[in-house]
Amino acid sequence: MKTTATKTFWAWIYIGFKDTHFPVRWLRWYRGSMRKTRKICQQFCNDVSYCVTVESCTYLYFKGRERGARIGLINYPRFPELPFQTRIYAIQLAERLHTAFKQQKVTIVMPTETLMLEAL
């Protein structure tokens, strides 16, 4: 068995799907949002030769909740990158998702910092 190691680095992108721009059936809209998320992530991976995970999640907050996604990036030993490059990829992907979903905020959590992208 062969073992390959690289410097550990990870980033999680958190994005909600709350959208008040137009009314639609919630479940159909949510499924469409997950498909759209996967499509955006797949295009990003194809563009930069990278790999991400996409997970469905629910955000609970004071007097409310919202469905969304958590997108994960790691420094994969098969195709190692320097930590700053994984950070750059996380920011670039978060910007694509932020724009596509017209969200007010998208959060990126990394080992030593948390970034929040906000709409102007």
PDB file of N, CA and C in Angstrom:
ATOM      1  N   MET A   1       0.838  -1.172   0.000  1.00  0.00           N
ATOM      2  CA  MET A   1       0.000   0.000   0.000  1.00  0.00           C
ATOM      3  C   MET A   1       0.886   1.240   0.000  1.00  0.00           C
ATOM      4  N   LYS A   2       0.541   2.202  -0.834  1.00  0.00           N
ATOM      5  CA  LYS A   2       1.277   3.450  -0.941  1.00  0.00           C
ATOM      6  C   LYS A   2       0.573   4.520  -0.102  1.00  0.00           C
ATOM      7  N   THR A   3       1.351   5.319   0.608  1.00  0.00           N
ATOM      8  CA  THR A   3       0.803   6.409   1.413  1.00  0.00           C
ATOM      9  C   THR A   3       1.352   7.725   0.887  1.00  0.00           C
ATOM     10  N   THR A   4       0.462   8.683   0.659  1.00  0.00           N
ATOM     11  CA  THR A   4       0.853  10.006   0.197  1.00  0.00           C
ATOM     12  C   THR A   4       0.348  11.026   1.201  1.00  0.00           C
ATOM     13  N   ALA A   5       1.180  11.988   1.546  1.00  0.00           N
ATOM     14  CA  ALA A   5       0.792  13.013   2.519  1.00  0.00           C
ATOM     15  C   ALA A   5       1.021  14.398   1.944  1.00  0.00           C
ATOM     16  N   THR A   6       0.269  15.336   2.442  1.00  0.00           N
ATOM     17  CA  THR A   6       0.416  16.741   2.059  1.00  0.00           C
ATOM     18  C   THR A   6       0.014  17.594   3.248  1.00  0.00           C
ATOM     19  N   LYS A   7       0.307  18.858   3.204  1.00  0.00           N
ATOM     20  CA  LYS A   7      -0.061  19.772   4.283  1.00  0.00           C
ATOM     21  C   LYS A   7      -1.585  19.894   4.328  1.00  0.00           C
ATOM     22  N   THR A   8      -2.151  19.759   5.521  1.00  0.00           N
ATOM     23  CA  THR A   8      -3.601  19.808   5.686  1.00  0.00           C
ATOM     24  C   THR A   8      -4.121  21.238   5.567  1.00  0.00           C
ATOM     25  N   PHE A   9      -5.131  21.385   4.752  1.00  0.00           N
ATOM     26  CA  PHE A   9      -5.860  22.650   4.663  1.00  0.00           C
ATOM     27  C   PHE A   9      -7.247  22.332   4.145  1.00  0.00           C
ATOM     28  N   TRP A  10      -8.251  23.024   4.657  1.00  0.00           N
ATOM     29  CA  TRP A  10      -9.627  22.812   4.231  1.00  0.00           C
ATOM     30  C   TRP A  10     -10.385  24.126   4.288  1.00  0.00           C
ATOM     31  N   ALA A  11     -11.471  24.161   3.576  1.00  0.00           N
ATOM     32  CA  ALA A  11     -12.373  25.326   3.607  1.00  0.00           C
ATOM     33  C   ALA A  11     -13.795  24.816   3.411  1.00  0.00           C
ATOM     34  N   TRP A  12     -14.732  25.400   4.145  1.00  0.00           N
ATOM     35  CA  TRP A  12     -16.160  25.105   3.989  1.00  0.00           C
ATOM     36  C   TRP A  12     -16.853  26.380   3.564  1.00  0.00           C
ATOM     37  N   ILE A  13     -17.648  26.286   2.515  1.00  0.00           N
ATOM     38  CA  ILE A  13     -18.460  27.415   2.058  1.00  0.00           C
ATOM     39  C   ILE A  13     -19.891  27.144   2.493  1.00  0.00           C
ATOM     40  N   TYR A  14     -20.500  28.102   3.167  1.00  0.00           N
ATOM     41  CA  TYR A  14     -21.881  27.971   3.632  1.00  0.00           C
ATOM     42  C   TYR A  14     -22.745  28.983   2.879  1.00  0.00           C
ATOM     43  N   ILE A  15     -23.786  28.480   2.208  1.00  0.00           N
ATOM     44  CA  ILE A  15     -24.691  29.363   1.476  1.00  0.00           C
ATOM     45  C   ILE A  15     -26.128  28.910   1.701  1.00  0.00           C
ATOM     46  N   GLY A  16     -26.985  29.864   1.963  1.00  0.00           N
ATOM     47  CA  GLY A  16     -28.405  29.571   2.122  1.00  0.00           C
ATOM     48  C   GLY A  16     -29.128  29.805   0.812  1.00  0.00           C
ATOM     49  N   PHE A  17     -30.335  29.243   0.717  1.00  0.00           N
ATOM     50  CA  PHE A  17     -31.116  29.377  -0.507  1.00  0.00           C
ATOM     51  C   PHE A  17     -32.329  30.277  -0.342  1.00  0.00           C
ATOM     52  N   LYS A  18     -32.408  30.994   0.761  1.00  0.00           N
ATOM     53  CA  LYS A  18     -33.553  31.873   0.957  1.00  0.00           C
ATOM     54  C   LYS A  18     -33.579  32.894  -0.171  1.00  0.00           C
ATOM     55  N   ASP A  19     -34.699  32.963  -0.833  1.00  0.00           N
ATOM     56  CA  ASP A  19     -34.831  33.881  -1.968  1.00  0.00           C
ATOM     57  C   ASP A  19     -36.228  34.471  -1.932  1.00  0.00           C
ATOM     58  N   THR A  20     -36.299  35.763  -1.791  1.00  0.00           N
ATOM     59  CA  THR A  20     -37.601  36.429  -1.746  1.00  0.00           C
ATOM     60  C   THR A  20     -37.914  37.137  -3.058  1.00  0.00           C
ATOM     61  N   HIS A  21     -37.171  36.849  -4.099  1.00  0.00           N
ATOM     62  CA  HIS A  21     -37.364  37.534  -5.376  1.00  0.00           C
ATOM     63  C   HIS A  21     -38.615  37.075  -6.131  1.00  0.00           C
ATOM     64  N   PHE A  22     -39.023  35.834  -5.951  1.00  0.00           N
ATOM     65  CA  PHE A  22     -40.216  35.357  -6.651  1.00  0.00           C
ATOM     66  C   PHE A  22     -40.801  34.156  -5.909  1.00  0.00           C
ATOM     67  N   PRO A  23     -42.120  33.997  -5.891  1.00  0.00           N
ATOM     68  CA  PRO A  23     -42.728  32.858  -5.200  1.00  0.00           C
ATOM     69  C   PRO A  23     -42.737  31.603  -6.084  1.00  0.00           C
ATOM     70  N   VAL A  24     -42.384  30.484  -5.505  1.00  0.00           N
ATOM     71  CA  VAL A  24     -42.447  29.177  -6.168  1.00  0.00           C
ATOM     72  C   VAL A  24     -42.733  28.126  -5.111  1.00  0.00           C
ATOM     73  N   ARG A  25     -43.088  26.945  -5.550  1.00  0.00           N
ATOM     74  CA  ARG A  25     -43.272  25.852  -4.590  1.00  0.00           C
ATOM     75  C   ARG A  25     -41.932  25.562  -3.940  1.00  0.00           C
ATOM     76  N   TRP A  26     -41.942  25.525  -2.616  1.00  0.00           N
ATOM     77  CA  TRP A  26     -40.699  25.466  -1.868  1.00  0.00           C
ATOM     78  C   TRP A  26     -39.860  24.241  -2.191  1.00  0.00           C
ATOM     79  N   LEU A  27     -40.419  23.043  -2.163  1.00  0.00           N
ATOM     80  CA  LEU A  27     -39.618  21.834  -2.364  1.00  0.00           C
ATOM     81  C   LEU A  27     -39.016  21.793  -3.761  1.00  0.00           C
ATOM     82  N   ARG A  28     -39.806  22.119  -4.767  1.00  0.00           N
ATOM     83  CA  ARG A  28     -39.289  22.130  -6.139  1.00  0.00           C
ATOM     84  C   ARG A  28     -38.175  23.166  -6.262  1.00  0.00           C
ATOM     85  N   TRP A  29     -38.387  24.306  -5.640  1.00  0.00           N
ATOM     86  CA  TRP A  29     -37.387  25.369  -5.672  1.00  0.00           C
ATOM     87  C   TRP A  29     -36.100  24.922  -4.989  1.00  0.00           C
ATOM     88  N   TYR A  30     -36.236  24.230  -3.837  1.00  0.00           N
ATOM     89  CA  TYR A  30     -35.061  23.760  -3.104  1.00  0.00           C
ATOM     90  C   TYR A  30     -34.280  22.733  -3.928  1.00  0.00           C
ATOM     91  N   ARG A  31     -34.984  21.769  -4.518  1.00  0.00           N
ATOM     92  CA  ARG A  31     -34.303  20.769  -5.359  1.00  0.00           C
ATOM     93  C   ARG A  31     -33.586  21.439  -6.515  1.00  0.00           C
ATOM     94  N   GLY A  32     -34.224  22.437  -7.102  1.00  0.00           N
ATOM     95  CA  GLY A  32     -33.592  23.187  -8.177  1.00  0.00           C
ATOM     96  C   GLY A  32     -32.347  23.919  -7.704  1.00  0.00           C
ATOM     97  N   SER A  33     -32.386  24.404  -6.475  1.00  0.00           N
ATOM     98  CA  SER A  33     -31.234  25.109  -5.912  1.00  0.00           C
ATOM     99  C   SER A  33     -30.060  24.163  -5.704  1.00  0.00           C
ATOM    100  N   MET A  34     -30.340  22.945  -5.240  1.00  0.00           N
ATOM    101  CA  MET A  34     -29.262  21.967  -5.073  1.00  0.00           C
ATOM    102  C   MET A  34     -28.681  21.573  -6.436  1.00  0.00           C
ATOM    103  N   ARG A  35     -29.542  21.397  -7.432  1.00  0.00           N
ATOM    104  CA  ARG A  35     -29.048  21.086  -8.783  1.00  0.00           C
ATOM    105  C   ARG A  35     -28.172  22.226  -9.300  1.00  0.00           C
ATOM    106  N   LYS A  36     -28.632  23.442  -9.079  1.00  0.00           N
ATOM    107  CA  LYS A  36     -27.880  24.612  -9.523  1.00  0.00           C
ATOM    108  C   LYS A  36     -26.531  24.685  -8.796  1.00  0.00           C
ATOM    109  N   THR A  37     -26.523  24.383  -7.517  1.00  0.00           N
ATOM    110  CA  THR A  37     -25.282  24.379  -6.741  1.00  0.00           C
ATOM    111  C   THR A  37     -24.310  23.354  -7.305  1.00  0.00           C
ATOM    112  N   ARG A  38     -24.790  22.140  -7.534  1.00  0.00           N
ATOM    113  CA  ARG A  38     -23.926  21.094  -8.094  1.00  0.00           C
ATOM    114  C   ARG A  38     -23.398  21.496  -9.473  1.00  0.00           C
ATOM    115  N   LYS A  39     -24.256  22.107 -10.284  1.00  0.00           N
ATOM    116  CA  LYS A  39     -23.853  22.527 -11.634  1.00  0.00           C
ATOM    117  C   LYS A  39     -22.751  23.590 -11.561  1.00  0.00           C
ATOM    118  N   ILE A  40     -22.921  24.576 -10.686  1.00  0.00           N
ATOM    119  CA  ILE A  40     -21.916  25.634 -10.533  1.00  0.00           C
ATOM    120  C   ILE A  40     -20.599  25.043 -10.031  1.00  0.00           C
ATOM    121  N   CYS A  41     -20.694  24.152  -9.045  1.00  0.00           N
ATOM    122  CA  CYS A  41     -19.484  23.519  -8.493  1.00  0.00           C
ATOM    123  C   CYS A  41     -18.793  22.642  -9.532  1.00  0.00           C
ATOM    124  N   GLN A  42     -19.570  21.906 -10.322  1.00  0.00           N
ATOM    125  CA  GLN A  42     -18.978  21.056 -11.363  1.00  0.00           C
ATOM    126  C   GLN A  42     -18.254  21.904 -12.407  1.00  0.00           C
ATOM    127  N   GLN A  43     -18.858  23.014 -12.814  1.00  0.00           N
ATOM    128  CA  GLN A  43     -18.218  23.899 -13.790  1.00  0.00           C
ATOM    129  C   GLN A  43     -16.923  24.468 -13.216  1.00  0.00           C
ATOM    130  N   PHE A  44     -16.968  24.855 -11.939  1.00  0.00           N
ATOM    131  CA  PHE A  44     -15.768  25.377 -11.286  1.00  0.00           C
ATOM    132  C   PHE A  44     -14.668  24.315 -11.273  1.00  0.00           C
ATOM    133  N   CYS A  45     -15.014  23.091 -10.880  1.00  0.00           N
ATOM    134  CA  CYS A  45     -14.036  21.997 -10.838  1.00  0.00           C
ATOM    135  C   CYS A  45     -13.439  21.736 -12.215  1.00  0.00           C
ATOM    136  N   ASN A  46     -14.277  21.791 -13.238  1.00  0.00           N
ATOM    137  CA  ASN A  46     -13.782  21.603 -14.607  1.00  0.00           C
ATOM    138  C   ASN A  46     -12.851  22.737 -15.018  1.00  0.00           C
ATOM    139  N   ASP A  47     -13.183  23.963 -14.601  1.00  0.00           N
ATOM    140  CA  ASP A  47     -12.385  25.134 -14.981  1.00  0.00           C
ATOM    141  C   ASP A  47     -10.994  25.125 -14.348  1.00  0.00           C
ATOM    142  N   VAL A  48     -10.895  24.704 -13.084  1.00  0.00           N
ATOM    143  CA  VAL A  48      -9.618  24.804 -12.368  1.00  0.00           C
ATOM    144  C   VAL A  48      -9.000  23.451 -12.025  1.00  0.00           C
ATOM    145  N   SER A  49      -9.566  22.349 -12.514  1.00  0.00           N
ATOM    146  CA  SER A  49      -9.084  20.999 -12.215  1.00  0.00           C
ATOM    147  C   SER A  49      -9.019  20.761 -10.714  1.00  0.00           C
ATOM    148  N   TYR A  50     -10.172  20.802 -10.080  1.00  0.00           N
ATOM    149  CA  TYR A  50     -10.245  20.666  -8.629  1.00  0.00           C
ATOM    150  C   TYR A  50     -11.386  19.726  -8.260  1.00  0.00           C
ATOM    151  N   CYS A  51     -11.534  19.452  -6.973  1.00  0.00           N
ATOM    152  CA  CYS A  51     -12.567  18.555  -6.476  1.00  0.00           C
ATOM    153  C   CYS A  51     -13.216  19.184  -5.248  1.00  0.00           C
ATOM    154  N   VAL A  52     -14.531  19.149  -5.158  1.00  0.00           N
ATOM    155  CA  VAL A  52     -15.248  19.671  -3.993  1.00  0.00           C
ATOM    156  C   VAL A  52     -16.339  18.686  -3.582  1.00  0.00           C
ATOM    157  N   THR A  53     -16.864  18.873  -2.384  1.00  0.00           N
ATOM    158  CA  THR A  53     -18.028  18.127  -1.939  1.00  0.00           C
ATOM    159  C   THR A  53     -19.195  19.098  -1.839  1.00  0.00           C
ATOM    160  N   VAL A  54     -20.404  18.591  -2.048  1.00  0.00           N
ATOM    161  CA  VAL A  54     -21.612  19.412  -1.930  1.00  0.00           C
ATOM    162  C   VAL A  54     -22.583  18.656  -1.035  1.00  0.00           C
ATOM    163  N   GLU A  55     -22.994  19.300   0.050  1.00  0.00           N
ATOM    164  CA  GLU A  55     -23.904  18.692   1.005  1.00  0.00           C
ATOM    165  C   GLU A  55     -25.102  19.605   1.239  1.00  0.00           C
ATOM    166  N   SER A  56     -26.257  19.000   1.386  1.00  0.00           N
ATOM    167  CA  SER A  56     -27.465  19.729   1.761  1.00  0.00           C
ATOM    168  C   SER A  56     -27.424  19.989   3.262  1.00  0.00           C
ATOM    169  N   CYS A  57     -27.914  21.132   3.691  1.00  0.00           N
ATOM    170  CA  CYS A  57     -27.981  21.405   5.124  1.00  0.00           C
ATOM    171  C   CYS A  57     -29.150  22.349   5.422  1.00  0.00           C
ATOM    172  N   THR A  58     -29.464  22.468   6.692  1.00  0.00           N
ATOM    173  CA  THR A  58     -30.511  23.376   7.152  1.00  0.00           C
ATOM    174  C   THR A  58     -29.901  24.318   8.177  1.00  0.00           C
ATOM    175  N   TYR A  59     -30.118  25.608   8.004  1.00  0.00           N
ATOM    176  CA  TYR A  59     -29.652  26.620   8.951  1.00  0.00           C
ATOM    177  C   TYR A  59     -30.810  26.990   9.860  1.00  0.00           C
ATOM    178  N   LEU A  60     -30.581  26.921  11.158  1.00  0.00           N
ATOM    179  CA  LEU A  60     -31.583  27.305  12.144  1.00  0.00           C
ATOM    180  C   LEU A  60     -31.097  28.581  12.821  1.00  0.00           C
ATOM    181  N   TYR A  61     -31.982  29.548  12.933  1.00  0.00           N
ATOM    182  CA  TYR A  61     -31.623  30.796  13.595  1.00  0.00           C
ATOM    183  C   TYR A  61     -32.839  31.326  14.330  1.00  0.00           C
ATOM    184  N   PHE A  62     -32.676  32.402  15.084  1.00  0.00           N
ATOM    185  CA  PHE A  62     -33.745  32.943  15.897  1.00  0.00           C
ATOM    186  C   PHE A  62     -35.000  33.184  15.063  1.00  0.00           C
ATOM    187  N   LYS A  63     -36.053  32.471  15.398  1.00  0.00           N
ATOM    188  CA  LYS A  63     -37.364  32.570  14.749  1.00  0.00           C
ATOM    189  C   LYS A  63     -37.323  32.280  13.245  1.00  0.00           C
ATOM    190  N   GLY A  64     -36.483  31.352  12.860  1.00  0.00           N
ATOM    191  CA  GLY A  64     -36.462  31.013  11.441  1.00  0.00           C
ATOM    192  C   GLY A  64     -35.536  29.865  11.111  1.00  0.00           C
ATOM    193  N   ARG A  65     -35.632  29.446   9.881  1.00  0.00           N
ATOM    194  CA  ARG A  65     -34.726  28.432   9.346  1.00  0.00           C
ATOM    195  C   ARG A  65     -34.660  28.600   7.841  1.00  0.00           C
ATOM    196  N   GLU A  66     -33.639  27.985   7.279  1.00  0.00           N
ATOM    197  CA  GLU A  66     -33.392  28.136   5.844  1.00  0.00           C
ATOM    198  C   GLU A  66     -32.619  26.927   5.344  1.00  0.00           C
ATOM    199  N   ARG A  67     -33.001  26.416   4.204  1.00  0.00           N
ATOM    200  CA  ARG A  67     -32.255  25.332   3.568  1.00  0.00           C
ATOM    201  C   ARG A  67     -31.075  25.939   2.828  1.00  0.00           C
ATOM    202  N   GLY A  68     -30.036  25.141   2.688  1.00  0.00           N
ATOM    203  CA  GLY A  68     -28.865  25.630   1.990  1.00  0.00           C
ATOM    204  C   GLY A  68     -27.905  24.506   1.682  1.00  0.00           C
ATOM    205  N   ALA A  69     -26.666  24.880   1.441  1.00  0.00           N
ATOM    206  CA  ALA A  69     -25.638  23.898   1.098  1.00  0.00           C
ATOM    207  C   ALA A  69     -24.343  24.246   1.804  1.00  0.00           C
ATOM    208  N   ARG A  70     -23.540  23.212   2.010  1.00  0.00           N
ATOM    209  CA  ARG A  70     -22.186  23.355   2.529  1.00  0.00           C
ATOM    210  C   ARG A  70     -21.273  22.723   1.494  1.00  0.00           C
ATOM    211  N   ILE A  71     -20.334  23.498   1.001  1.00  0.00           N
ATOM    212  CA  ILE A  71     -19.420  23.039  -0.041  1.00  0.00           C
ATOM    213  C   ILE A  71     -18.028  22.926   0.588  1.00  0.00           C
ATOM    214  N   GLY A  72     -17.407  21.767   0.448  1.00  0.00           N
ATOM    215  CA  GLY A  72     -16.112  21.536   1.075  1.00  0.00           C
ATOM    216  C   GLY A  72     -14.980  21.453   0.074  1.00  0.00           C
ATOM    217  N   LEU A  73     -13.859  22.032   0.452  1.00  0.00           N
ATOM    218  CA  LEU A  73     -12.628  21.942  -0.326  1.00  0.00           C
ATOM    219  C   LEU A  73     -11.536  21.448   0.619  1.00  0.00           C
ATOM    220  N   ILE A  74     -10.702  20.530   0.162  1.00  0.00           N
ATOM    221  CA  ILE A  74      -9.574  20.063   0.955  1.00  0.00           C
ATOM    222  C   ILE A  74      -8.325  20.060   0.086  1.00  0.00           C
ATOM    223  N   ASN A  75      -7.191  20.015   0.746  1.00  0.00           N
ATOM    224  CA  ASN A  75      -5.935  19.841   0.030  1.00  0.00           C
ATOM    225  C   ASN A  75      -5.755  18.341  -0.181  1.00  0.00           C
ATOM    226  N   TYR A  76      -6.218  17.875  -1.300  1.00  0.00           N
ATOM    227  CA  TYR A  76      -6.257  16.451  -1.633  1.00  0.00           C
ATOM    228  C   TYR A  76      -4.850  15.964  -1.997  1.00  0.00           C
ATOM    229  N   PRO A  77      -4.299  14.965  -1.289  1.00  0.00           N
ATOM    230  CA  PRO A  77      -2.925  14.528  -1.536  1.00  0.00           C
ATOM    231  C   PRO A  77      -2.643  14.058  -2.963  1.00  0.00           C
ATOM    232  N   ARG A  78      -3.649  13.574  -3.658  1.00  0.00           N
ATOM    233  CA  ARG A  78      -3.414  13.128  -5.033  1.00  0.00           C
ATOM    234  C   ARG A  78      -3.072  14.306  -5.950  1.00  0.00           C
ATOM    235  N   PHE A  79      -3.670  15.463  -5.676  1.00  0.00           N
ATOM    236  CA  PHE A  79      -3.399  16.678  -6.450  1.00  0.00           C
ATOM    237  C   PHE A  79      -3.114  17.807  -5.462  1.00  0.00           C
ATOM    238  N   PRO A  80      -1.968  17.778  -4.790  1.00  0.00           N
ATOM    239  CA  PRO A  80      -1.715  18.750  -3.720  1.00  0.00           C
ATOM    240  C   PRO A  80      -1.577  20.185  -4.224  1.00  0.00           C
ATOM    241  N   GLU A  81      -2.038  21.092  -3.401  1.00  0.00           N
ATOM    242  CA  GLU A  81      -1.913  22.530  -3.652  1.00  0.00           C
ATOM    243  C   GLU A  81      -1.318  23.160  -2.392  1.00  0.00           C
ATOM    244  N   LEU A  82      -0.790  24.329  -2.509  1.00  0.00           N
ATOM    245  CA  LEU A  82      -0.388  25.074  -1.328  1.00  0.00           C
ATOM    246  C   LEU A  82      -1.655  25.597  -0.657  1.00  0.00           C
ATOM    247  N   PRO A  83      -1.645  25.749   0.663  1.00  0.00           N
ATOM    248  CA  PRO A  83      -2.852  26.216   1.355  1.00  0.00           C
ATOM    249  C   PRO A  83      -3.443  27.508   0.792  1.00  0.00           C
ATOM    250  N   PHE A  84      -2.582  28.452   0.395  1.00  0.00           N
ATOM    251  CA  PHE A  84      -3.120  29.708  -0.123  1.00  0.00           C
ATOM    252  C   PHE A  84      -3.911  29.490  -1.416  1.00  0.00           C
ATOM    253  N   GLN A  85      -3.538  28.459  -2.197  1.00  0.00           N
ATOM    254  CA  GLN A  85      -4.264  28.199  -3.443  1.00  0.00           C
ATOM    255  C   GLN A  85      -5.651  27.635  -3.146  1.00  0.00           C
ATOM    256  N   THR A  86      -5.760  26.747  -2.165  1.00  0.00           N
ATOM    257  CA  THR A  86      -7.070  26.233  -1.768  1.00  0.00           C
ATOM    258  C   THR A  86      -7.930  27.375  -1.252  1.00  0.00           C
ATOM    259  N   ARG A  87      -7.333  28.301  -0.496  1.00  0.00           N
ATOM    260  CA  ARG A  87      -8.053  29.489  -0.006  1.00  0.00           C
ATOM    261  C   ARG A  87      -8.583  30.318  -1.176  1.00  0.00           C
ATOM    262  N   ILE A  88      -7.747  30.538  -2.173  1.00  0.00           N
ATOM    263  CA  ILE A  88      -8.161  31.301  -3.356  1.00  0.00           C
ATOM    264  C   ILE A  88      -9.313  30.598  -4.066  1.00  0.00           C
ATOM    265  N   TYR A  89      -9.206  29.270  -4.245  1.00  0.00           N
ATOM    266  CA  TYR A  89     -10.292  28.523  -4.882  1.00  0.00           C
ATOM    267  C   TYR A  89     -11.590  28.652  -4.099  1.00  0.00           C
ATOM    268  N   ALA A  90     -11.505  28.592  -2.780  1.00  0.00           N
ATOM    269  CA  ALA A  90     -12.706  28.718  -1.946  1.00  0.00           C
ATOM    270  C   ALA A  90     -13.365  30.085  -2.148  1.00  0.00           C
ATOM    271  N   ILE A  91     -12.571  31.120  -2.189  1.00  0.00           N
ATOM    272  CA  ILE A  91     -13.111  32.473  -2.394  1.00  0.00           C
ATOM    273  C   ILE A  91     -13.728  32.595  -3.783  1.00  0.00           C
ATOM    274  N   GLN A  92     -13.051  32.088  -4.792  1.00  0.00           N
ATOM    275  CA  GLN A  92     -13.573  32.169  -6.158  1.00  0.00           C
ATOM    276  C   GLN A  92     -14.895  31.419  -6.294  1.00  0.00           C
ATOM    277  N   LEU A  93     -14.975  30.223  -5.729  1.00  0.00           N
ATOM    278  CA  LEU A  93     -16.211  29.445  -5.812  1.00  0.00           C
ATOM    279  C   LEU A  93     -17.321  30.119  -5.011  1.00  0.00           C
ATOM    280  N   ALA A  94     -16.997  30.629  -3.840  1.00  0.00           N
ATOM    281  CA  ALA A  94     -18.001  31.334  -3.026  1.00  0.00           C
ATOM    282  C   ALA A  94     -18.542  32.551  -3.769  1.00  0.00           C
ATOM    283  N   GLU A  95     -17.693  33.260  -4.485  1.00  0.00           N
ATOM    284  CA  GLU A  95     -18.149  34.423  -5.270  1.00  0.00           C
ATOM    285  C   GLU A  95     -19.110  33.988  -6.375  1.00  0.00           C
ATOM    286  N   ARG A  96     -18.807  32.883  -7.044  1.00  0.00           N
ATOM    287  CA  ARG A  96     -19.717  32.375  -8.083  1.00  0.00           C
ATOM    288  C   ARG A  96     -21.086  32.032  -7.492  1.00  0.00           C
ATOM    289  N   LEU A  97     -21.076  31.333  -6.352  1.00  0.00           N
ATOM    290  CA  LEU A  97     -22.336  30.938  -5.711  1.00  0.00           C
ATOM    291  C   LEU A  97     -23.092  32.164  -5.199  1.00  0.00           C
ATOM    292  N   HIS A  98     -22.376  33.101  -4.628  1.00  0.00           N
ATOM    293  CA  HIS A  98     -22.966  34.340  -4.108  1.00  0.00           C
ATOM    294  C   HIS A  98     -23.711  35.087  -5.208  1.00  0.00           C
ATOM    295  N   THR A  99     -23.081  35.195  -6.344  1.00  0.00           N
ATOM    296  CA  THR A  99     -23.683  35.882  -7.491  1.00  0.00           C
ATOM    297  C   THR A  99     -24.866  35.094  -8.051  1.00  0.00           C
ATOM    298  N   ALA A 100     -24.683  33.796  -8.213  1.00  0.00           N
ATOM    299  CA  ALA A 100     -25.728  32.956  -8.820  1.00  0.00           C
ATOM    300  C   ALA A 100     -27.001  32.928  -7.980  1.00  0.00           C
ATOM    301  N   PHE A 101     -26.873  32.932  -6.655  1.00  0.00           N
ATOM    302  CA  PHE A 101     -28.038  32.838  -5.782  1.00  0.00           C
ATOM    303  C   PHE A 101     -28.510  34.185  -5.240  1.00  0.00           C
ATOM    304  N   LYS A 102     -27.816  35.263  -5.637  1.00  0.00           N
ATOM    305  CA  LYS A 102     -28.214  36.618  -5.211  1.00  0.00           C
ATOM    306  C   LYS A 102     -28.376  36.697  -3.693  1.00  0.00           C
ATOM    307  N   GLN A 103     -27.424  36.103  -2.984  1.00  0.00           N
ATOM    308  CA  GLN A 103     -27.481  36.100  -1.532  1.00  0.00           C
ATOM    309  C   GLN A 103     -26.876  37.371  -0.955  1.00  0.00           C
ATOM    310  N   GLN A 104     -27.332  37.728   0.243  1.00  0.00           N
ATOM    311  CA  GLN A 104     -26.747  38.870   0.944  1.00  0.00           C
ATOM    312  C   GLN A 104     -25.372  38.506   1.501  1.00  0.00           C
ATOM    313  N   LYS A 105     -25.248  37.263   1.990  1.00  0.00           N
ATOM    314  CA  LYS A 105     -24.003  36.839   2.616  1.00  0.00           C
ATOM    315  C   LYS A 105     -23.687  35.383   2.273  1.00  0.00           C
ATOM    316  N   VAL A 106     -22.403  35.104   2.144  1.00  0.00           N
ATOM    317  CA  VAL A 106     -21.885  33.739   1.999  1.00  0.00           C
ATOM    318  C   VAL A 106     -20.675  33.671   2.923  1.00  0.00           C
ATOM    319  N   THR A 107     -20.565  32.566   3.673  1.00  0.00           N
ATOM    320  CA  THR A 107     -19.479  32.436   4.636  1.00  0.00           C
ATOM    321  C   THR A 107     -18.506  31.343   4.214  1.00  0.00           C
ATOM    322  N   ILE A 108     -17.222  31.620   4.407  1.00  0.00           N
ATOM    323  CA  ILE A 108     -16.163  30.653   4.150  1.00  0.00           C
ATOM    324  C   ILE A 108     -15.428  30.431   5.468  1.00  0.00           C
ATOM    325  N   VAL A 109     -15.403  29.182   5.939  1.00  0.00           N
ATOM    326  CA  VAL A 109     -14.728  28.847   7.193  1.00  0.00           C
ATOM    327  C   VAL A 109     -13.485  28.033   6.871  1.00  0.00           C
ATOM    328  N   MET A 110     -12.346  28.504   7.395  1.00  0.00           N
ATOM    329  CA  MET A 110     -11.063  27.834   7.191  1.00  0.00           C
ATOM    330  C   MET A 110     -10.410  27.618   8.552  1.00  0.00           C
ATOM    331  N   PRO A 111      -9.324  26.880   8.614  1.00  0.00           N
ATOM    332  CA  PRO A 111      -8.735  26.566   9.918  1.00  0.00           C
ATOM    333  C   PRO A 111      -8.403  27.782  10.787  1.00  0.00           C
ATOM    334  N   THR A 112      -7.963  28.862  10.195  1.00  0.00           N
ATOM    335  CA  THR A 112      -7.527  30.002  11.013  1.00  0.00           C
ATOM    336  C   THR A 112      -8.309  31.285  10.766  1.00  0.00           C
ATOM    337  N   GLU A 113      -9.276  31.265   9.874  1.00  0.00           N
ATOM    338  CA  GLU A 113     -10.073  32.470   9.633  1.00  0.00           C
ATOM    339  C   GLU A 113     -11.428  32.115   9.046  1.00  0.00           C
ATOM    340  N   THR A 114     -12.358  33.022   9.237  1.00  0.00           N
ATOM    341  CA  THR A 114     -13.690  32.910   8.649  1.00  0.00           C
ATOM    342  C   THR A 114     -13.941  34.193   7.872  1.00  0.00           C
ATOM    343  N   LEU A 115     -14.295  34.053   6.594  1.00  0.00           N
ATOM    344  CA  LEU A 115     -14.586  35.201   5.737  1.00  0.00           C
ATOM    345  C   LEU A 115     -16.073  35.252   5.451  1.00  0.00           C
ATOM    346  N   MET A 116     -16.614  36.456   5.362  1.00  0.00           N
ATOM    347  CA  MET A 116     -18.007  36.614   4.957  1.00  0.00           C
ATOM    348  C   MET A 116     -18.034  37.540   3.744  1.00  0.00           C
ATOM    349  N   LEU A 117     -18.577  37.022   2.643  1.00  0.00           N
ATOM    350  CA  LEU A 117     -18.783  37.843   1.455  1.00  0.00           C
ATOM    351  C   LEU A 117     -20.157  38.460   1.567  1.00  0.00           C
ATOM    352  N   GLU A 118     -20.260  39.756   1.401  1.00  0.00           N
ATOM    353  CA  GLU A 118     -21.533  40.453   1.534  1.00  0.00           C
ATOM    354  C   GLU A 118     -21.841  41.229   0.272  1.00  0.00           C
ATOM    355  N   ALA A 119     -23.133  41.266  -0.074  1.00  0.00           N
ATOM    356  CA  ALA A 119     -23.570  42.062  -1.225  1.00  0.00           C
ATOM    357  C   ALA A 119     -23.431  43.533  -0.890  1.00  0.00           C
ATOM    358  N   LEU A 120     -23.095  44.313  -1.877  1.00  0.00           N
ATOM    359  CA  LEU A 120     -22.967  45.771  -1.666  1.00  0.00           C
ATOM    360  C   LEU A 120     -24.310  46.441  -1.641  1.00  0.00           C
TER     361      LEU A 120
END
